[in-house]
Amino acid sequence: MAYDRYVAICKPLHYGTLLGSRACVHMAAAAWASGFLYALLHTANTLSLPLCNGNAVDQFFCEIPQILKLSCSHSYLREVGLLVVSACLVFGCFVFIVVSYVEIFRAVLRIPSEQGRHKAFSTCLPHLAVVSLFISTAIFANLKPPSISSPSLDLVVAVLYSVVPPAVNPLIYSMRNQELKDALRKMMTGCFSEATNCPFSSA
């Protein structure tokens, strides 16, 4: 998304060339392949750990740090190493996103029209906020010291990086669609003017 916005705002005349169907397929394939490899490595390594503190994790899903708490083997250091490597990769992606947005903001601030600047910022800031929330909370969840760990804090952090970004992303990107906004406005107007026509009405 950061690269898409960078090309659209900083190099609009080259958008079709730099982000054609082939480039999109390559980026999607790279994301899926890296995600699959990441999951495979963590799953294989985590399942090889012997558990001596029971098999109930104090979380609503099998989060890796929670599983490591149940391990009684020093082989968990392999998993910690994988988490550190993952954090470094995520940090690299975050730096790429930040650099992209610095260039975007520099280009946007040179737009003479205030309406044009507002439109450009409105397409970038929500994405940057969601990505920042996801990366910061995921790194905190996996690298925080055990001394500040608690079940309630672990649950809040896990929800922030595993539930909130996927739930918010469709809302952010769909609300940029003018047709969807018009349809939603029309539906809400109909709900307020005539409650029986509202699809959410109990009737």
N, C-alpha and C. Protein backbone atom coordinates (compact mmCIF):
# COMPACT_ATOMS: atom_id res chain seq x y z
N MET A 1 0.83 -1.20 0.00
CA MET A 1 0.00 0.00 0.00
C MET A 1 0.87 1.26 0.00
N ALA A 2 1.96 1.24 0.77
CA ALA A 2 2.84 2.39 0.82
C ALA A 2 3.47 2.64 -0.55
N TYR A 3 3.88 1.56 -1.21
CA TYR A 3 4.49 1.71 -2.53
C TYR A 3 3.46 2.20 -3.55
N ASP A 4 2.24 1.69 -3.44
CA ASP A 4 1.15 2.12 -4.32
C ASP A 4 0.91 3.62 -4.18
N ARG A 5 0.83 4.10 -2.94
CA ARG A 5 0.61 5.53 -2.71
C ARG A 5 1.81 6.35 -3.17
N TYR A 6 3.02 5.80 -2.95
CA TYR A 6 4.22 6.52 -3.38
C TYR A 6 4.23 6.72 -4.89
N VAL A 7 3.94 5.65 -5.63
CA VAL A 7 3.93 5.75 -7.10
C VAL A 7 2.81 6.66 -7.57
N ALA A 8 1.62 6.52 -6.95
CA ALA A 8 0.46 7.32 -7.38
C ALA A 8 0.67 8.81 -7.16
N ILE A 9 1.36 9.18 -6.08
CA ILE A 9 1.51 10.60 -5.76
C ILE A 9 2.82 11.17 -6.30
N CYS A 10 3.91 10.41 -6.18
CA CYS A 10 5.21 10.94 -6.58
C CYS A 10 5.55 10.69 -8.04
N LYS A 11 5.02 9.61 -8.61
CA LYS A 11 5.31 9.29 -10.02
C LYS A 11 4.03 8.90 -10.75
N PRO A 12 3.05 9.80 -10.79
CA PRO A 12 1.74 9.44 -11.35
C PRO A 12 1.80 9.06 -12.83
N LEU A 13 2.71 9.66 -13.60
CA LEU A 13 2.78 9.35 -15.03
C LEU A 13 3.35 7.96 -15.30
N HIS A 14 4.02 7.38 -14.31
CA HIS A 14 4.61 6.05 -14.47
C HIS A 14 3.81 4.98 -13.72
N TYR A 15 2.62 5.35 -13.22
CA TYR A 15 1.85 4.41 -12.39
C TYR A 15 1.53 3.12 -13.14
N GLY A 16 1.05 3.25 -14.37
CA GLY A 16 0.69 2.05 -15.14
C GLY A 16 1.87 1.15 -15.43
N THR A 17 3.05 1.76 -15.57
CA THR A 17 4.25 0.96 -15.85
C THR A 17 4.80 0.30 -14.59
N LEU A 18 4.89 1.06 -13.50
CA LEU A 18 5.49 0.54 -12.27
C LEU A 18 4.55 -0.38 -11.50
N LEU A 19 3.25 -0.17 -11.65
CA LEU A 19 2.29 -1.01 -10.91
C LEU A 19 1.29 -1.65 -11.86
N GLY A 20 1.81 -2.31 -12.87
CA GLY A 20 0.96 -3.07 -13.78
C GLY A 20 0.52 -4.37 -13.14
N SER A 21 -0.20 -5.17 -13.89
CA SER A 21 -0.72 -6.42 -13.35
C SER A 21 0.40 -7.37 -12.96
N ARG A 22 1.50 -7.37 -13.74
CA ARG A 22 2.62 -8.26 -13.41
C ARG A 22 3.27 -7.86 -12.10
N ALA A 23 3.47 -6.55 -11.89
CA ALA A 23 4.08 -6.09 -10.64
C ALA A 23 3.19 -6.43 -9.44
N CYS A 24 1.88 -6.28 -9.61
CA CYS A 24 0.95 -6.61 -8.52
C CYS A 24 0.98 -8.09 -8.19
N VAL A 25 1.05 -8.93 -9.21
CA VAL A 25 1.13 -10.38 -8.99
C VAL A 25 2.41 -10.73 -8.27
N HIS A 26 3.52 -10.12 -8.67
CA HIS A 26 4.81 -10.39 -8.02
C HIS A 26 4.80 -9.97 -6.55
N MET A 27 4.23 -8.79 -6.27
CA MET A 27 4.18 -8.34 -4.88
C MET A 27 3.26 -9.21 -4.03
N ALA A 28 2.12 -9.61 -4.59
CA ALA A 28 1.21 -10.49 -3.84
C ALA A 28 1.86 -11.85 -3.60
N ALA A 29 2.53 -12.39 -4.61
CA ALA A 29 3.20 -13.69 -4.47
C ALA A 29 4.30 -13.61 -3.42
N ALA A 30 5.06 -12.52 -3.41
CA ALA A 30 6.13 -12.36 -2.41
C ALA A 30 5.55 -12.28 -1.00
N ALA A 31 4.43 -11.56 -0.85
CA ALA A 31 3.80 -11.45 0.47
C ALA A 31 3.28 -12.80 0.94
N TRP A 32 2.60 -13.53 0.05
CA TRP A 32 2.07 -14.84 0.43
C TRP A 32 3.19 -15.83 0.73
N ALA A 33 4.22 -15.84 -0.09
CA ALA A 33 5.32 -16.79 0.11
C ALA A 33 6.06 -16.50 1.41
N SER A 34 6.35 -15.23 1.67
CA SER A 34 7.06 -14.90 2.92
C SER A 34 6.19 -15.20 4.13
N GLY A 35 4.89 -14.93 4.04
CA GLY A 35 3.98 -15.26 5.14
C GLY A 35 3.90 -16.74 5.39
N PHE A 36 3.85 -17.53 4.31
CA PHE A 36 3.79 -18.99 4.45
C PHE A 36 5.08 -19.52 5.06
N LEU A 37 6.23 -19.02 4.60
CA LEU A 37 7.52 -19.47 5.14
C LEU A 37 7.65 -19.09 6.61
N TYR A 38 7.23 -17.88 6.95
CA TYR A 38 7.27 -17.42 8.34
C TYR A 38 6.42 -18.34 9.23
N ALA A 39 5.21 -18.61 8.79
CA ALA A 39 4.32 -19.47 9.58
C ALA A 39 4.86 -20.89 9.68
N LEU A 40 5.41 -21.40 8.58
CA LEU A 40 5.94 -22.76 8.58
C LEU A 40 7.11 -22.91 9.54
N LEU A 41 8.04 -21.95 9.51
CA LEU A 41 9.20 -22.01 10.41
C LEU A 41 8.77 -21.96 11.87
N HIS A 42 7.90 -21.02 12.20
CA HIS A 42 7.46 -20.90 13.59
C HIS A 42 6.66 -22.12 14.04
N THR A 43 5.79 -22.62 13.18
CA THR A 43 4.97 -23.77 13.55
C THR A 43 5.83 -25.00 13.78
N ALA A 44 6.74 -25.28 12.86
CA ALA A 44 7.60 -26.45 13.00
C ALA A 44 8.48 -26.35 14.24
N ASN A 45 9.02 -25.18 14.48
CA ASN A 45 9.91 -25.02 15.64
C ASN A 45 9.13 -25.08 16.95
N THR A 46 7.94 -24.46 16.96
CA THR A 46 7.15 -24.45 18.19
C THR A 46 6.63 -25.84 18.53
N LEU A 47 6.21 -26.61 17.53
CA LEU A 47 5.69 -27.95 17.80
C LEU A 47 6.77 -28.92 18.26
N SER A 48 8.04 -28.57 18.03
CA SER A 48 9.13 -29.45 18.47
C SER A 48 9.51 -29.20 19.93
N LEU A 49 8.94 -28.18 20.56
CA LEU A 49 9.28 -27.87 21.95
C LEU A 49 8.55 -28.79 22.91
N PRO A 50 9.25 -29.38 23.88
CA PRO A 50 8.56 -30.17 24.92
C PRO A 50 7.89 -29.24 25.93
N LEU A 51 6.66 -29.55 26.28
CA LEU A 51 5.90 -28.72 27.21
C LEU A 51 5.82 -29.42 28.56
N CYS A 52 6.19 -28.72 29.63
CA CYS A 52 6.14 -29.34 30.95
C CYS A 52 5.28 -28.54 31.92
N ASN A 53 4.68 -27.46 31.45
CA ASN A 53 3.83 -26.64 32.32
C ASN A 53 2.36 -26.71 31.89
N GLY A 54 1.92 -27.87 31.43
CA GLY A 54 0.55 -28.03 30.96
C GLY A 54 0.44 -27.71 29.48
N ASN A 55 -0.77 -27.73 28.99
CA ASN A 55 -0.98 -27.43 27.57
C ASN A 55 -2.06 -26.38 27.35
N ALA A 56 -2.37 -25.60 28.38
CA ALA A 56 -3.38 -24.54 28.26
C ALA A 56 -2.68 -23.19 28.18
N VAL A 57 -2.86 -22.50 27.07
CA VAL A 57 -2.26 -21.18 26.91
C VAL A 57 -3.19 -20.12 27.48
N ASP A 58 -2.60 -19.09 28.07
CA ASP A 58 -3.37 -18.02 28.69
C ASP A 58 -3.66 -16.94 27.66
N GLN A 59 -4.34 -17.34 26.58
CA GLN A 59 -4.61 -16.45 25.47
C GLN A 59 -5.77 -17.02 24.67
N PHE A 60 -6.39 -16.21 23.81
CA PHE A 60 -7.52 -16.72 23.04
C PHE A 60 -7.09 -17.38 21.73
N PHE A 61 -5.77 -17.41 21.45
CA PHE A 61 -5.25 -18.19 20.34
C PHE A 61 -3.83 -18.63 20.71
N CYS A 62 -3.26 -19.55 19.94
CA CYS A 62 -1.95 -20.11 20.27
C CYS A 62 -0.84 -19.15 19.88
N GLU A 63 -0.68 -18.11 20.65
CA GLU A 63 0.36 -17.13 20.39
C GLU A 63 1.71 -17.69 20.84
N ILE A 64 2.74 -17.43 20.05
CA ILE A 64 4.05 -18.04 20.29
C ILE A 64 4.61 -17.70 21.67
N PRO A 65 4.62 -16.44 22.11
CA PRO A 65 5.17 -16.17 23.46
C PRO A 65 4.46 -16.94 24.57
N GLN A 66 3.15 -17.16 24.40
CA GLN A 66 2.41 -17.91 25.42
C GLN A 66 2.81 -19.39 25.41
N ILE A 67 3.07 -19.93 24.23
CA ILE A 67 3.52 -21.33 24.15
C ILE A 67 4.91 -21.48 24.75
N LEU A 68 5.77 -20.49 24.52
CA LEU A 68 7.13 -20.55 25.06
C LEU A 68 7.13 -20.57 26.58
N LYS A 69 6.12 -19.96 27.20
CA LYS A 69 6.02 -19.98 28.66
C LYS A 69 5.80 -21.39 29.19
N LEU A 70 5.22 -22.26 28.37
CA LEU A 70 4.94 -23.63 28.80
C LEU A 70 6.11 -24.57 28.54
N SER A 71 7.12 -24.09 27.83
CA SER A 71 8.24 -24.96 27.47
C SER A 71 9.19 -25.13 28.64
N CYS A 72 9.75 -26.33 28.75
CA CYS A 72 10.73 -26.60 29.81
C CYS A 72 12.08 -26.95 29.21
N SER A 73 12.30 -26.62 27.95
CA SER A 73 13.54 -26.95 27.27
C SER A 73 14.27 -25.69 26.86
N HIS A 74 15.59 -25.76 26.85
CA HIS A 74 16.39 -24.61 26.41
C HIS A 74 16.34 -24.45 24.90
N SER A 75 15.70 -25.40 24.21
CA SER A 75 15.59 -25.25 22.76
C SER A 75 14.67 -24.11 22.37
N TYR A 76 13.99 -23.52 23.36
CA TYR A 76 13.14 -22.37 23.04
C TYR A 76 13.97 -21.19 22.53
N LEU A 77 15.29 -21.23 22.78
CA LEU A 77 16.15 -20.17 22.27
C LEU A 77 16.10 -20.08 20.75
N ARG A 78 15.85 -21.21 20.08
CA ARG A 78 15.70 -21.18 18.63
C ARG A 78 14.51 -20.32 18.24
N GLU A 79 13.43 -20.50 18.98
CA GLU A 79 12.21 -19.73 18.70
C GLU A 79 12.44 -18.25 18.99
N VAL A 80 13.15 -17.96 20.08
CA VAL A 80 13.47 -16.57 20.39
C VAL A 80 14.30 -15.96 19.27
N GLY A 81 15.25 -16.74 18.74
CA GLY A 81 16.05 -16.27 17.62
C GLY A 81 15.20 -15.97 16.40
N LEU A 82 14.23 -16.85 16.13
CA LEU A 82 13.32 -16.61 15.00
C LEU A 82 12.50 -15.34 15.22
N LEU A 83 12.08 -15.12 16.45
CA LEU A 83 11.30 -13.92 16.74
C LEU A 83 12.14 -12.66 16.55
N VAL A 84 13.41 -12.71 16.94
CA VAL A 84 14.28 -11.55 16.76
C VAL A 84 14.50 -11.28 15.28
N VAL A 85 14.75 -12.35 14.50
CA VAL A 85 14.92 -12.18 13.05
C VAL A 85 13.65 -11.60 12.44
N SER A 86 12.48 -12.10 12.87
CA SER A 86 11.21 -11.59 12.36
C SER A 86 11.04 -10.12 12.71
N ALA A 87 11.41 -9.75 13.93
CA ALA A 87 11.29 -8.35 14.33
C ALA A 87 12.20 -7.46 13.48
N CYS A 88 13.38 -7.96 13.15
CA CYS A 88 14.29 -7.18 12.30
C CYS A 88 13.70 -7.00 10.90
N LEU A 89 13.08 -8.07 10.36
CA LEU A 89 12.45 -7.97 9.04
C LEU A 89 11.29 -6.98 9.07
N VAL A 90 10.49 -7.07 10.13
CA VAL A 90 9.36 -6.14 10.26
C VAL A 90 9.86 -4.71 10.39
N PHE A 91 10.94 -4.53 11.14
CA PHE A 91 11.51 -3.19 11.29
C PHE A 91 11.99 -2.67 9.94
N GLY A 92 12.60 -3.56 9.14
CA GLY A 92 13.03 -3.16 7.79
C GLY A 92 11.86 -2.71 6.94
N CYS A 93 10.74 -3.45 7.01
CA CYS A 93 9.53 -3.05 6.28
C CYS A 93 9.01 -1.72 6.78
N PHE A 94 9.07 -1.53 8.09
CA PHE A 94 8.58 -0.29 8.67
C PHE A 94 9.42 0.90 8.20
N VAL A 95 10.74 0.71 8.13
CA VAL A 95 11.62 1.78 7.64
C VAL A 95 11.29 2.10 6.19
N PHE A 96 11.05 1.06 5.37
CA PHE A 96 10.67 1.28 3.98
C PHE A 96 9.38 2.08 3.88
N ILE A 97 8.41 1.75 4.73
CA ILE A 97 7.13 2.47 4.73
C ILE A 97 7.34 3.92 5.14
N VAL A 98 8.14 4.14 6.18
CA VAL A 98 8.39 5.50 6.65
C VAL A 98 9.08 6.33 5.58
N VAL A 99 10.09 5.76 4.93
CA VAL A 99 10.80 6.48 3.86
C VAL A 99 9.83 6.82 2.72
N SER A 100 8.98 5.84 2.36
CA SER A 100 8.00 6.08 1.30
C SER A 100 7.08 7.25 1.67
N TYR A 101 6.62 7.27 2.93
CA TYR A 101 5.70 8.32 3.33
C TYR A 101 6.38 9.67 3.49
N VAL A 102 7.64 9.67 3.84
CA VAL A 102 8.37 10.94 3.87
C VAL A 102 8.39 11.56 2.47
N GLU A 103 8.69 10.73 1.46
CA GLU A 103 8.68 11.21 0.08
C GLU A 103 7.27 11.65 -0.34
N ILE A 104 6.26 10.88 0.10
CA ILE A 104 4.87 11.23 -0.23
C ILE A 104 4.51 12.59 0.37
N PHE A 105 4.82 12.77 1.66
CA PHE A 105 4.48 14.03 2.32
C PHE A 105 5.22 15.22 1.71
N ARG A 106 6.47 15.00 1.31
CA ARG A 106 7.20 16.08 0.65
C ARG A 106 6.52 16.47 -0.67
N ALA A 107 6.05 15.45 -1.41
CA ALA A 107 5.36 15.73 -2.67
C ALA A 107 4.01 16.40 -2.42
N VAL A 108 3.29 15.93 -1.39
CA VAL A 108 1.97 16.49 -1.12
C VAL A 108 2.06 17.95 -0.68
N LEU A 109 3.06 18.26 0.14
CA LEU A 109 3.20 19.64 0.62
C LEU A 109 3.53 20.61 -0.50
N ARG A 110 3.98 20.09 -1.65
CA ARG A 110 4.25 20.96 -2.80
C ARG A 110 3.01 21.17 -3.67
N ILE A 111 1.92 20.47 -3.37
CA ILE A 111 0.68 20.66 -4.13
C ILE A 111 0.08 22.01 -3.77
N PRO A 112 -0.17 22.87 -4.74
CA PRO A 112 -0.66 24.22 -4.42
C PRO A 112 -2.09 24.24 -3.88
N SER A 113 -2.92 23.29 -4.30
CA SER A 113 -4.32 23.28 -3.89
C SER A 113 -4.48 22.63 -2.51
N GLU A 114 -5.19 23.32 -1.63
CA GLU A 114 -5.45 22.77 -0.29
C GLU A 114 -6.34 21.53 -0.39
N GLN A 115 -7.30 21.55 -1.32
CA GLN A 115 -8.17 20.39 -1.51
C GLN A 115 -7.37 19.18 -2.00
N GLY A 116 -6.40 19.43 -2.89
CA GLY A 116 -5.56 18.34 -3.37
C GLY A 116 -4.70 17.76 -2.27
N ARG A 117 -4.16 18.62 -1.40
CA ARG A 117 -3.36 18.14 -0.27
C ARG A 117 -4.21 17.31 0.68
N HIS A 118 -5.43 17.80 0.95
CA HIS A 118 -6.32 17.07 1.86
C HIS A 118 -6.67 15.69 1.30
N LYS A 119 -6.95 15.62 0.01
CA LYS A 119 -7.29 14.35 -0.61
C LYS A 119 -6.13 13.36 -0.56
N ALA A 120 -4.92 13.86 -0.81
CA ALA A 120 -3.73 12.99 -0.78
C ALA A 120 -3.47 12.49 0.64
N PHE A 121 -3.58 13.38 1.62
CA PHE A 121 -3.35 12.97 3.01
C PHE A 121 -4.41 11.99 3.48
N SER A 122 -5.65 12.17 3.05
CA SER A 122 -6.74 11.30 3.51
C SER A 122 -6.58 9.87 3.02
N THR A 123 -5.85 9.68 1.93
CA THR A 123 -5.64 8.31 1.44
C THR A 123 -4.43 7.65 2.08
N CYS A 124 -3.56 8.44 2.71
CA CYS A 124 -2.31 7.90 3.25
C CYS A 124 -2.32 7.70 4.76
N LEU A 125 -2.85 8.68 5.49
CA LEU A 125 -2.75 8.65 6.94
C LEU A 125 -3.44 7.45 7.58
N PRO A 126 -4.65 7.04 7.14
CA PRO A 126 -5.26 5.87 7.77
C PRO A 126 -4.42 4.61 7.62
N HIS A 127 -3.85 4.41 6.42
CA HIS A 127 -3.00 3.24 6.20
C HIS A 127 -1.79 3.28 7.11
N LEU A 128 -1.15 4.42 7.23
CA LEU A 128 0.03 4.56 8.06
C LEU A 128 -0.31 4.31 9.53
N ALA A 129 -1.47 4.76 9.97
CA ALA A 129 -1.88 4.56 11.37
C ALA A 129 -2.11 3.08 11.66
N VAL A 130 -2.79 2.37 10.75
CA VAL A 130 -3.07 0.94 10.96
C VAL A 130 -1.78 0.13 10.95
N VAL A 131 -0.90 0.41 10.00
CA VAL A 131 0.37 -0.32 9.92
C VAL A 131 1.22 -0.06 11.16
N SER A 132 1.27 1.19 11.62
CA SER A 132 2.04 1.52 12.81
C SER A 132 1.49 0.80 14.04
N LEU A 133 0.18 0.75 14.16
CA LEU A 133 -0.44 0.03 15.27
C LEU A 133 -0.08 -1.45 15.23
N PHE A 134 -0.19 -2.06 14.06
CA PHE A 134 0.10 -3.48 13.92
C PHE A 134 1.55 -3.79 14.26
N ILE A 135 2.48 -3.06 13.66
CA ILE A 135 3.90 -3.36 13.85
C ILE A 135 4.33 -3.10 15.29
N SER A 136 3.93 -1.97 15.86
CA SER A 136 4.39 -1.64 17.21
C SER A 136 3.85 -2.62 18.24
N THR A 137 2.57 -2.98 18.14
CA THR A 137 2.00 -3.91 19.12
C THR A 137 2.52 -5.33 18.93
N ALA A 138 2.76 -5.75 17.68
CA ALA A 138 3.30 -7.09 17.43
C ALA A 138 4.71 -7.22 17.98
N ILE A 139 5.54 -6.20 17.75
CA ILE A 139 6.90 -6.23 18.28
C ILE A 139 6.88 -6.21 19.81
N PHE A 140 6.01 -5.39 20.39
CA PHE A 140 5.90 -5.34 21.85
C PHE A 140 5.46 -6.68 22.42
N ALA A 141 4.48 -7.33 21.76
CA ALA A 141 3.98 -8.62 22.25
C ALA A 141 5.05 -9.69 22.24
N ASN A 142 5.91 -9.68 21.22
CA ASN A 142 6.90 -10.74 21.08
C ASN A 142 8.22 -10.46 21.78
N LEU A 143 8.53 -9.20 22.04
CA LEU A 143 9.84 -8.86 22.61
C LEU A 143 9.77 -8.21 23.99
N LYS A 144 8.59 -8.09 24.56
CA LYS A 144 8.51 -7.45 25.88
C LYS A 144 9.13 -8.37 26.94
N PRO A 145 9.75 -7.78 27.96
CA PRO A 145 10.36 -8.59 29.02
C PRO A 145 9.30 -9.29 29.87
N PRO A 146 9.59 -10.48 30.37
CA PRO A 146 8.60 -11.20 31.18
C PRO A 146 8.18 -10.45 32.44
N SER A 147 9.02 -9.54 32.92
CA SER A 147 8.70 -8.83 34.16
C SER A 147 7.47 -7.95 34.05
N ILE A 148 7.13 -7.49 32.84
CA ILE A 148 5.95 -6.63 32.69
C ILE A 148 4.79 -7.39 32.07
N SER A 149 4.94 -8.69 31.96
CA SER A 149 3.88 -9.50 31.33
C SER A 149 2.77 -9.79 32.33
N SER A 150 1.54 -9.69 31.86
CA SER A 150 0.37 -10.06 32.66
C SER A 150 -0.71 -10.55 31.71
N PRO A 151 -1.62 -11.43 32.17
CA PRO A 151 -2.66 -11.96 31.27
C PRO A 151 -3.50 -10.87 30.62
N SER A 152 -3.87 -9.85 31.38
CA SER A 152 -4.72 -8.79 30.81
C SER A 152 -3.95 -7.97 29.78
N LEU A 153 -2.69 -7.64 30.06
CA LEU A 153 -1.89 -6.87 29.11
C LEU A 153 -1.64 -7.68 27.84
N ASP A 154 -1.33 -8.98 28.02
CA ASP A 154 -1.10 -9.84 26.85
C ASP A 154 -2.35 -9.92 25.98
N LEU A 155 -3.51 -9.99 26.61
CA LEU A 155 -4.76 -10.09 25.85
C LEU A 155 -5.03 -8.80 25.08
N VAL A 156 -4.84 -7.65 25.72
CA VAL A 156 -5.09 -6.36 25.05
C VAL A 156 -4.15 -6.18 23.87
N VAL A 157 -2.87 -6.49 24.07
CA VAL A 157 -1.89 -6.33 23.00
C VAL A 157 -2.19 -7.28 21.85
N ALA A 158 -2.56 -8.52 22.17
CA ALA A 158 -2.89 -9.50 21.13
C ALA A 158 -4.09 -9.05 20.29
N VAL A 159 -5.10 -8.49 20.95
CA VAL A 159 -6.27 -7.99 20.22
C VAL A 159 -5.87 -6.82 19.32
N LEU A 160 -4.98 -5.95 19.83
CA LEU A 160 -4.58 -4.77 19.05
C LEU A 160 -3.86 -5.14 17.76
N TYR A 161 -3.08 -6.22 17.76
CA TYR A 161 -2.36 -6.52 16.52
C TYR A 161 -2.98 -7.64 15.70
N SER A 162 -3.87 -8.45 16.30
CA SER A 162 -4.43 -9.56 15.53
C SER A 162 -5.87 -9.34 15.10
N VAL A 163 -6.60 -8.48 15.78
CA VAL A 163 -8.02 -8.28 15.48
C VAL A 163 -8.30 -6.89 14.91
N VAL A 164 -7.72 -5.85 15.52
CA VAL A 164 -8.07 -4.48 15.13
C VAL A 164 -7.65 -4.14 13.70
N PRO A 165 -6.38 -4.36 13.29
CA PRO A 165 -6.01 -3.98 11.91
C PRO A 165 -6.82 -4.68 10.83
N PRO A 166 -7.02 -6.01 10.89
CA PRO A 166 -7.86 -6.62 9.85
C PRO A 166 -9.30 -6.13 9.85
N ALA A 167 -9.81 -5.77 11.03
CA ALA A 167 -11.19 -5.28 11.11
C ALA A 167 -11.32 -3.85 10.59
N VAL A 168 -10.29 -3.04 10.83
CA VAL A 168 -10.36 -1.62 10.45
C VAL A 168 -10.02 -1.41 8.98
N ASN A 169 -9.12 -2.23 8.43
CA ASN A 169 -8.67 -2.03 7.04
C ASN A 169 -9.82 -1.96 6.03
N PRO A 170 -10.75 -2.94 6.02
CA PRO A 170 -11.84 -2.83 5.03
C PRO A 170 -12.66 -1.56 5.19
N LEU A 171 -12.87 -1.14 6.44
CA LEU A 171 -13.64 0.09 6.68
C LEU A 171 -12.90 1.30 6.13
N ILE A 172 -11.60 1.38 6.38
CA ILE A 172 -10.82 2.52 5.92
C ILE A 172 -10.82 2.60 4.40
N TYR A 173 -10.54 1.48 3.74
CA TYR A 173 -10.40 1.51 2.29
C TYR A 173 -11.75 1.61 1.59
N SER A 174 -12.80 1.02 2.17
CA SER A 174 -14.11 1.11 1.52
C SER A 174 -14.72 2.50 1.67
N MET A 175 -14.43 3.17 2.79
CA MET A 175 -15.00 4.50 2.99
C MET A 175 -14.36 5.54 2.08
N ARG A 176 -13.29 5.18 1.38
CA ARG A 176 -12.73 6.09 0.37
C ARG A 176 -13.52 6.01 -0.93
N ASN A 177 -14.40 5.03 -1.06
CA ASN A 177 -15.19 4.83 -2.26
C ASN A 177 -16.43 5.72 -2.18
N GLN A 178 -16.56 6.65 -3.11
CA GLN A 178 -17.66 7.61 -3.06
C GLN A 178 -19.01 6.94 -3.22
N GLU A 179 -19.10 5.89 -4.06
CA GLU A 179 -20.37 5.20 -4.25
C GLU A 179 -20.82 4.52 -2.97
N LEU A 180 -19.87 3.92 -2.24
CA LEU A 180 -20.21 3.28 -0.98
C LEU A 180 -20.66 4.31 0.04
N LYS A 181 -19.99 5.46 0.09
CA LYS A 181 -20.39 6.51 1.03
C LYS A 181 -21.79 7.02 0.71
N ASP A 182 -22.09 7.19 -0.57
CA ASP A 182 -23.42 7.65 -0.96
C ASP A 182 -24.49 6.63 -0.58
N ALA A 183 -24.20 5.34 -0.82
CA ALA A 183 -25.16 4.28 -0.49
C ALA A 183 -25.38 4.21 1.02
N LEU A 184 -24.31 4.33 1.81
CA LEU A 184 -24.43 4.30 3.26
C LEU A 184 -25.22 5.49 3.77
N ARG A 185 -24.95 6.67 3.19
CA ARG A 185 -25.69 7.88 3.60
C ARG A 185 -27.17 7.73 3.27
N LYS A 186 -27.47 7.17 2.09
CA LYS A 186 -28.87 6.98 1.69
C LYS A 186 -29.57 5.99 2.61
N MET A 187 -28.86 4.91 2.96
CA MET A 187 -29.45 3.90 3.83
C MET A 187 -29.73 4.48 5.22
N MET A 188 -28.77 5.25 5.76
CA MET A 188 -28.96 5.83 7.09
C MET A 188 -30.07 6.87 7.08
N THR A 189 -30.18 7.64 5.99
CA THR A 189 -31.26 8.62 5.88
C THR A 189 -32.61 7.92 5.87
N GLY A 190 -32.70 6.80 5.14
CA GLY A 190 -33.93 6.02 5.11
C GLY A 190 -34.28 5.44 6.46
N CYS A 191 -33.25 5.04 7.23
CA CYS A 191 -33.48 4.48 8.56
C CYS A 191 -34.04 5.52 9.51
N PHE A 192 -33.53 6.75 9.41
CA PHE A 192 -33.99 7.78 10.31
C PHE A 192 -35.37 8.30 9.92
N SER A 193 -35.63 8.37 8.61
CA SER A 193 -36.92 8.94 8.17
C SER A 193 -38.04 7.94 8.31
N GLU A 194 -37.77 6.66 8.11
CA GLU A 194 -38.84 5.66 8.18
C GLU A 194 -38.24 4.38 8.75
N ALA A 195 -38.45 4.18 10.02
CA ALA A 195 -37.80 3.07 10.75
C ALA A 195 -38.18 1.70 10.18
N THR A 196 -39.36 1.59 9.58
CA THR A 196 -39.78 0.28 9.05
C THR A 196 -38.99 -0.14 7.83
N ASN A 197 -38.38 0.82 7.13
CA ASN A 197 -37.59 0.50 5.95
C ASN A 197 -36.12 0.20 6.29
N CYS A 198 -35.76 0.34 7.54
CA CYS A 198 -34.37 0.16 7.93
C CYS A 198 -34.03 -1.32 7.99
N PRO A 199 -33.00 -1.77 7.30
CA PRO A 199 -32.65 -3.20 7.33
C PRO A 199 -32.18 -3.66 8.69
N PHE A 200 -31.80 -2.71 9.59
CA PHE A 200 -31.35 -3.10 10.91
C PHE A 200 -32.47 -3.07 11.94
N SER A 201 -33.66 -2.73 11.48
CA SER A 201 -34.77 -2.60 12.40
C SER A 201 -35.22 -3.97 12.90
N SER A 202 -35.67 -4.01 14.15
CA SER A 202 -36.08 -5.28 14.75
C SER A 202 -37.33 -5.83 14.11
N ALA A 203 -38.11 -4.96 13.44
CA ALA A 203 -39.32 -5.42 12.76
C ALA A 203 -38.94 -6.22 11.55
